PDB file of N, CA and C in Angstrom:
ATOM      1  N   UNK A   1      -9.524 -14.092 -16.153  1.00  0.00           N
ATOM      2  CA  UNK A   1      -9.093 -14.925 -16.536  1.00  0.00           C
ATOM      3  C   UNK A   1      -8.376 -14.016 -18.302  1.00  0.00           C
ATOM      4  N   UNK A   2      -8.744 -12.503 -18.300  1.00  0.00           N
ATOM      5  CA  UNK A   2      -8.045 -12.342 -19.670  1.00  0.00           C
ATOM      6  C   UNK A   2      -7.010 -11.798 -18.611  1.00  0.00           C
ATOM      7  N   UNK A   3      -6.972 -11.823 -18.278  1.00  0.00           N
ATOM      8  CA  UNK A   3      -5.356 -10.437 -17.014  1.00  0.00           C
ATOM      9  C   UNK A   3      -4.441 -11.653 -17.299  1.00  0.00           C
ATOM     10  N   UNK A   4      -5.079 -12.759 -16.581  1.00  0.00           N
ATOM     11  CA  UNK A   4      -4.386 -13.827 -15.946  1.00  0.00           C
ATOM     12  C   UNK A   4      -2.630 -14.042 -16.449  1.00  0.00           C
ATOM     13  N   UNK A   5      -2.849 -14.667 -17.785  1.00  0.00           N
ATOM     14  CA  UNK A   5      -2.232 -14.588 -18.975  1.00  0.00           C
ATOM     15  C   UNK A   5      -0.515 -13.608 -18.321  1.00  0.00           C
ATOM     16  N   UNK A   6      -1.235 -12.235 -19.036  1.00  0.00           N
ATOM     17  CA  UNK A   6      -0.441 -11.006 -19.103  1.00  0.00           C
ATOM     18  C   UNK A   6      -0.185 -10.611 -17.775  1.00  0.00           C
ATOM     19  N   UNK A   7      -0.390 -10.804 -16.577  1.00  0.00           N
ATOM     20  CA  UNK A   7       0.248 -10.115 -15.422  1.00  0.00           C
ATOM     21  C   UNK A   7       0.794 -11.131 -14.859  1.00  0.00           C
ATOM     22  N   UNK A   8       0.096 -12.455 -15.047  1.00  0.00           N
ATOM     23  CA  UNK A   8       1.462 -13.859 -14.157  1.00  0.00           C
ATOM     24  C   UNK A   8       0.184 -13.781 -13.347  1.00  0.00           C
ATOM     25  N   UNK A   9      -0.127 -16.069 -12.946  1.00  0.00           N
ATOM     26  CA  UNK A   9      -0.613 -15.956 -11.586  1.00  0.00           C
ATOM     27  C   UNK A   9       0.063 -16.117 -10.435  1.00  0.00           C
ATOM     28  N   UNK A  10       0.637 -15.269  -9.937  1.00  0.00           N
ATOM     29  CA  UNK A  10       1.157 -14.960  -8.518  1.00  0.00           C
ATOM     30  C   UNK A  10       0.170 -13.236  -8.405  1.00  0.00           C
ATOM     31  N   UNK A  11       0.184 -12.483  -9.410  1.00  0.00           N
ATOM     32  CA  UNK A  11       0.051 -11.297  -9.112  1.00  0.00           C
ATOM     33  C   UNK A  11      -1.253 -11.182  -9.444  1.00  0.00           C
ATOM     34  N   UNK A  12      -2.165 -12.121 -10.599  1.00  0.00           N
ATOM     35  CA  UNK A  12      -3.502 -11.779 -10.272  1.00  0.00           C
ATOM     36  C   UNK A  12      -4.294 -12.308  -9.041  1.00  0.00           C
ATOM     37  N   UNK A  13      -3.230 -13.694  -8.794  1.00  0.00           N
ATOM     38  CA  UNK A  13      -3.839 -14.021  -6.991  1.00  0.00           C
ATOM     39  C   UNK A  13      -3.668 -13.443  -5.896  1.00  0.00           C
ATOM     40  N   UNK A  14      -2.678 -12.292  -6.255  1.00  0.00           N
ATOM     41  CA  UNK A  14      -2.934 -11.624  -5.205  1.00  0.00           C
ATOM     42  C   UNK A  14      -3.330 -10.489  -5.214  1.00  0.00           C
ATOM     43  N   UNK A  15      -3.699 -10.412  -6.450  1.00  0.00           N
ATOM     44  CA  UNK A  15      -4.701  -8.999  -6.989  1.00  0.00           C
ATOM     45  C   UNK A  15      -6.303  -9.146  -6.274  1.00  0.00           C
ATOM     46  N   UNK A  16      -6.783 -10.179  -5.938  1.00  0.00           N
ATOM     47  CA  UNK A  16      -8.040 -10.822  -6.070  1.00  0.00           C
ATOM     48  C   UNK A  16      -7.471 -11.068  -4.387  1.00  0.00           C
ATOM     49  N   UNK A  17      -7.161 -11.989  -4.162  1.00  0.00           N
ATOM     50  CA  UNK A  17      -6.602 -11.737  -2.710  1.00  0.00           C
ATOM     51  C   UNK A  17      -7.069 -10.196  -1.757  1.00  0.00           C
ATOM     52  N   UNK A  18      -6.263  -9.338  -2.431  1.00  0.00           N
ATOM     53  CA  UNK A  18      -5.818  -7.618  -1.882  1.00  0.00           C
ATOM     54  C   UNK A  18      -7.755  -7.227  -2.428  1.00  0.00           C
ATOM     55  N   UNK A  19      -8.460  -7.393  -3.250  1.00  0.00           N
ATOM     56  CA  UNK A  19      -9.630  -6.910  -3.622  1.00  0.00           C
ATOM     57  C   UNK A  19     -10.511  -8.044  -2.443  1.00  0.00           C
ATOM     58  N   UNK A  20     -10.339  -8.797  -2.296  1.00  0.00           N
ATOM     59  CA  UNK A  20     -11.486  -9.994  -1.298  1.00  0.00           C
ATOM     60  C   UNK A  20     -10.853  -8.586   0.144  1.00  0.00           C
ATOM     61  N   UNK A  21     -10.021  -8.453   0.548  1.00  0.00           N
ATOM     62  CA  UNK A  21      -9.426  -8.286   1.785  1.00  0.00           C
ATOM     63  C   UNK A  21     -10.440  -6.863   1.750  1.00  0.00           C
ATOM     64  N   UNK A  22     -10.138  -6.022   0.733  1.00  0.00           N
ATOM     65  CA  UNK A  22     -10.802  -4.535   0.672  1.00  0.00           C
ATOM     66  C   UNK A  22     -11.945  -4.099   0.557  1.00  0.00           C
ATOM     67  N   UNK A  23     -12.874  -5.556   0.260  1.00  0.00           N
ATOM     68  CA  UNK A  23     -14.097  -5.248  -0.014  1.00  0.00           C
ATOM     69  C   UNK A  23     -15.085  -5.489   1.198  1.00  0.00           C
ATOM     70  N   UNK A  24     -14.684  -6.822   1.719  1.00  0.00           N
ATOM     71  CA  UNK A  24     -14.802  -7.089   3.631  1.00  0.00           C
ATOM     72  C   UNK A  24     -14.819  -5.960   4.471  1.00  0.00           C
ATOM     73  N   UNK A  25     -13.208  -5.426   3.911  1.00  0.00           N
ATOM     74  CA  UNK A  25     -13.547  -4.272   4.972  1.00  0.00           C
ATOM     75  C   UNK A  25     -14.253  -3.431   5.130  1.00  0.00           C
ATOM     76  N   UNK A  26     -14.614  -2.412   4.109  1.00  0.00           N
ATOM     77  CA  UNK A  26     -15.435  -2.216   3.612  1.00  0.00           C
ATOM     78  C   UNK A  26     -17.278  -2.583   3.880  1.00  0.00           C
ATOM     79  N   UNK A  27     -17.530  -3.543   3.822  1.00  0.00           N
ATOM     80  CA  UNK A  27     -18.608  -4.649   4.629  1.00  0.00           C
ATOM     81  C   UNK A  27     -18.902  -4.794   5.334  1.00  0.00           C
ATOM     82  N   UNK A  28     -17.379  -4.508   6.307  1.00  0.00           N
ATOM     83  CA  UNK A  28     -17.646  -4.718   7.735  1.00  0.00           C
ATOM     84  C   UNK A  28     -17.630  -3.129   8.159  1.00  0.00           C
ATOM     85  N   UNK A  29     -17.210  -2.435   7.902  1.00  0.00           N
ATOM     86  CA  UNK A  29     -17.089  -0.545   8.362  1.00  0.00           C
ATOM     87  C   UNK A  29     -18.221  -0.099   8.075  1.00  0.00           C
ATOM     88  N   UNK A  30     -18.851   0.003   7.531  1.00  0.00           N
ATOM     89  CA  UNK A  30     -20.196  -0.024   6.772  1.00  0.00           C
ATOM     90  C   UNK A  30     -21.437  -0.882   7.355  1.00  0.00           C
ATOM     91  N   UNK A  31     -21.490  -1.706   7.451  1.00  0.00           N
ATOM     92  CA  UNK A  31     -22.260  -3.119   8.249  1.00  0.00           C
ATOM     93  C   UNK A  31     -23.321  -3.335   6.894  1.00  0.00           C
ATOM     94  N   UNK A  32     -22.590  -3.452   5.771  1.00  0.00           N
ATOM     95  CA  UNK A  32     -23.733  -3.825   4.938  1.00  0.00           C
ATOM     96  C   UNK A  32     -23.573  -5.237   4.545  1.00  0.00           C
ATOM     97  N   UNK A  33     -25.079  -5.795   4.798  1.00  0.00           N
ATOM     98  CA  UNK A  33     -25.190  -7.285   3.790  1.00  0.00           C
ATOM     99  C   UNK A  33     -25.859  -7.943   5.348  1.00  0.00           C
ATOM    100  N   UNK A  34     -26.194  -6.885   5.897  1.00  0.00           N
ATOM    101  CA  UNK A  34     -26.380  -7.638   7.536  1.00  0.00           C
ATOM    102  C   UNK A  34     -25.126  -8.118   8.938  1.00  0.00           C
ATOM    103  N   UNK A  35     -24.249  -7.506   8.095  1.00  0.00           N
ATOM    104  CA  UNK A  35     -23.122  -7.750   9.225  1.00  0.00           C
ATOM    105  C   UNK A  35     -22.647  -6.494  10.112  1.00  0.00           C
ATOM    106  N   UNK A  36     -22.404  -7.015  11.521  1.00  0.00           N
ATOM    107  CA  UNK A  36     -22.357  -6.076  12.622  1.00  0.00           C
ATOM    108  C   UNK A  36     -21.287  -4.842  12.444  1.00  0.00           C
ATOM    109  N   UNK A  37     -21.187  -3.959  12.858  1.00  0.00           N
ATOM    110  CA  UNK A  37     -20.130  -2.917  12.595  1.00  0.00           C
ATOM    111  C   UNK A  37     -18.934  -3.442  13.239  1.00  0.00           C
ATOM    112  N   UNK A  38     -17.527  -2.901  11.843  1.00  0.00           N
ATOM    113  CA  UNK A  38     -16.946  -3.196  12.900  1.00  0.00           C
ATOM    114  C   UNK A  38     -15.717  -2.245  11.941  1.00  0.00           C
ATOM    115  N   UNK A  39     -15.397  -1.288  12.490  1.00  0.00           N
ATOM    116  CA  UNK A  39     -14.748   0.189  11.712  1.00  0.00           C
ATOM    117  C   UNK A  39     -13.407  -0.161  11.780  1.00  0.00           C
ATOM    118  N   UNK A  40     -13.314   0.349  10.491  1.00  0.00           N
ATOM    119  CA  UNK A  40     -11.482  -0.376  10.147  1.00  0.00           C
ATOM    120  C   UNK A  40     -11.006   0.809  11.034  1.00  0.00           C
ATOM    121  N   UNK A  41      -9.577  -0.068  11.457  1.00  0.00           N
ATOM    122  CA  UNK A  41      -8.408   0.565  12.015  1.00  0.00           C
ATOM    123  C   UNK A  41      -7.636  -0.260  12.001  1.00  0.00           C
ATOM    124  N   UNK A  42      -6.452   0.834  12.532  1.00  0.00           N
ATOM    125  CA  UNK A  42      -4.974   0.875  11.907  1.00  0.00           C
ATOM    126  C   UNK A  42      -4.226  -1.108  11.366  1.00  0.00           C
ATOM    127  N   UNK A  43      -4.395  -1.461  11.963  1.00  0.00           N
ATOM    128  CA  UNK A  43      -3.862  -2.905  12.065  1.00  0.00           C
ATOM    129  C   UNK A  43      -4.809  -3.419  10.577  1.00  0.00           C
ATOM    130  N   UNK A  44      -6.428  -3.761  10.705  1.00  0.00           N
ATOM    131  CA  UNK A  44      -6.878  -3.774   9.573  1.00  0.00           C
ATOM    132  C   UNK A  44      -6.278  -2.855   8.077  1.00  0.00           C
ATOM    133  N   UNK A  45      -5.918  -1.554   8.672  1.00  0.00           N
ATOM    134  CA  UNK A  45      -5.667  -0.460   7.189  1.00  0.00           C
ATOM    135  C   UNK A  45      -4.410  -1.137   6.282  1.00  0.00           C
ATOM    136  N   UNK A  46      -2.995  -1.742   7.343  1.00  0.00           N
ATOM    137  CA  UNK A  46      -1.446  -1.868   7.912  1.00  0.00           C
ATOM    138  C   UNK A  46      -2.244  -3.376   6.553  1.00  0.00           C
ATOM    139  N   UNK A  47      -2.558  -3.973   7.312  1.00  0.00           N
ATOM    140  CA  UNK A  47      -2.644  -5.242   6.848  1.00  0.00           C
ATOM    141  C   UNK A  47      -3.174  -5.539   5.224  1.00  0.00           C
ATOM    142  N   UNK A  48      -4.103  -4.776   4.810  1.00  0.00           N
ATOM    143  CA  UNK A  48      -4.002  -4.394   3.494  1.00  0.00           C
ATOM    144  C   UNK A  48      -2.788  -3.927   2.673  1.00  0.00           C
ATOM    145  N   UNK A  49      -2.365  -2.893   2.816  1.00  0.00           N
ATOM    146  CA  UNK A  49      -1.745  -2.157   3.016  1.00  0.00           C
ATOM    147  C   UNK A  49      -0.293  -3.539   2.603  1.00  0.00           C
ATOM    148  N   UNK A  50      -0.366  -3.671   3.331  1.00  0.00           N
ATOM    149  CA  UNK A  50       0.717  -4.829   3.089  1.00  0.00           C
ATOM    150  C   UNK A  50       0.399  -5.623   2.081  1.00  0.00           C
ATOM    151  N   UNK A  51       0.072  -6.470   1.572  1.00  0.00           N
ATOM    152  CA  UNK A  51      -0.575  -6.982   1.120  1.00  0.00           C
ATOM    153  C   UNK A  51      -0.515  -6.738  -0.457  1.00  0.00           C
ATOM    154  N   UNK A  52      -1.006  -4.969  -0.161  1.00  0.00           N
ATOM    155  CA  UNK A  52      -1.071  -4.546  -1.752  1.00  0.00           C
ATOM    156  C   UNK A  52       0.578  -4.780  -2.340  1.00  0.00           C
ATOM    157  N   UNK A  53       1.668  -4.280  -1.288  1.00  0.00           N
ATOM    158  CA  UNK A  53       3.156  -3.957  -1.149  1.00  0.00           C
ATOM    159  C   UNK A  53       3.362  -5.165  -2.388  1.00  0.00           C
ATOM    160  N   UNK A  54       2.972  -6.596  -1.895  1.00  0.00           N
ATOM    161  CA  UNK A  54       3.955  -7.872  -1.987  1.00  0.00           C
ATOM    162  C   UNK A  54       3.421  -7.549  -3.302  1.00  0.00           C
ATOM    163  N   UNK A  55       2.065  -7.394  -3.376  1.00  0.00           N
ATOM    164  CA  UNK A  55       1.415  -7.109  -4.939  1.00  0.00           C
ATOM    165  C   UNK A  55       2.516  -6.883  -6.222  1.00  0.00           C
ATOM    166  N   UNK A  56       2.966  -5.430  -5.315  1.00  0.00           N
ATOM    167  CA  UNK A  56       3.377  -4.547  -5.908  1.00  0.00           C
ATOM    168  C   UNK A  56       4.987  -5.246  -6.368  1.00  0.00           C
ATOM    169  N   UNK A  57       5.025  -5.693  -5.528  1.00  0.00           N
ATOM    170  CA  UNK A  57       6.918  -6.602  -5.367  1.00  0.00           C
ATOM    171  C   UNK A  57       6.930  -8.098  -6.001  1.00  0.00           C
ATOM    172  N   UNK A  58       5.840  -8.244  -6.667  1.00  0.00           N
ATOM    173  CA  UNK A  58       5.632  -8.741  -7.693  1.00  0.00           C
ATOM    174  C   UNK A  58       5.958  -8.634  -9.122  1.00  0.00           C
ATOM    175  N   UNK A  59       5.053  -7.616  -9.315  1.00  0.00           N
ATOM    176  CA  UNK A  59       4.859  -6.842 -10.743  1.00  0.00           C
ATOM    177  C   UNK A  59       6.255  -5.940 -11.282  1.00  0.00           C
ATOM    178  N   UNK A  60       7.583  -6.059 -10.305  1.00  0.00           N
ATOM    179  CA  UNK A  60       8.514  -6.125 -10.038  1.00  0.00           C
ATOM    180  C   UNK A  60       9.911  -7.512 -10.580  1.00  0.00           C
ATOM    181  N   UNK A  61      10.110  -7.432 -12.385  1.00  0.00           N
ATOM    182  CA  UNK A  61      10.720  -8.545 -12.775  1.00  0.00           C
ATOM    183  C   UNK A  61      12.144  -8.157 -12.656  1.00  0.00           C
TER     184      UNK A  61
END
């Protein structure tokens, strides 16, 4: 809430989505919280990287 006005809401939203995807990949990979293990493969990792690159592009003003 404090950083959203400084970053901009587009960048802030992108970072929130990237964080959710990164944590969900870790939860699935290690089977935490009672989930079935789903290893991180190149497709999942590529998807996270693409979203992070999109966030970086929103910072380029």
